[in-house]
């Protein structure tokens, strides 16, 4: 009945570990002992035959788990209802969007009564409402005496969901312990203020796309600005193989509690026809002054290709915001994750 969180930077070995436990990848050495039926959701569409319908894939996955048809029959309506794709359940899954595949994949993984449920960071594809349903379902699974392994870069979800957390670093267990203790230590490892990160070798990414540089312009050397200061986030990347379709760079701004304060992609202001073909590119996003509250922040960089997240790097730049000297008659710390300078008028 435990929910075990697994955290770590990209390349730390989280997904590889889950593939080993799911028997998708064979270990080169060592052993992994699993007791009970294992159901996993590692990547969008994993375990689905694209030529089969959603309904047929439910039966296929159940059979792989060792369930007979009568067992699956009893769960079928519940799975379809949870997925929210009833009107498309008899459509081949090759026509499903990424979000629909995640919905059905999670519903199958959670409802076919595995003793061990393995969930990778696929929930980032789903909408906020469905993510809440999934988190609630994982709690239900653990509450019924089963085990959940949950990999995520979202520390808020990890903190609210997990009983224990393992921090992987360079393919090894760096820390294992109570959730809050491990997460706080992990986040603290990123709090060093740095305004530039460059990757030449071992750049984060996939074979088709590499992140080369993230830097902040408009910050002093100590990485500390005031609430009224504007600054720019520069992202340099190399497209090595996504010659067709769209590559969409985006940033997420996270505060010291790892809460996403805001996110933005090039789609917010660039022309829809903008394309980043094979080659090296640099984009810049301006964060206006009088927006952020006092505190520590870091930038998460994300790339999508044809609607699917292909790169997410959290270990980039970090900075700190201090209050301006002119606070007027405001008493104490300004509440909220943002503190925009709003226009007021006297009407009487």
Foldseek 3Di string as FASTA:
>chain_A
DFEEEEEEFPPLCPLVVVCCVVVVDPDPDDDDDDDWFEAEDRAQPPQADQQFFQLVSLVSSLVVSVHDPVLSVVQVVVLCVQLVPVVRRRPRNVPPDSQSSVSNSLSSQLRSLILEYEYEASCVLYDPVSSVVSLVSVQVSVVVVGYYYYYDPQLVSQLVRGQKYFYGGNHDGPDIGGSVVVVLVVLVVQQQADFKDADDPPFFFDPQKGWGMWGKAQADPRQEEAQQGKIKIKTKMFGRHPQDFAKKKKKFKAFSSRDGPDMDIPVVDDDPPDHDHGGMDMDMDMDGHQWFFFGKIFMWMWIDTPSHTGGIGGRTHIHGYHHDPDPDPDPDGDDDGIGHDDDDDDDD
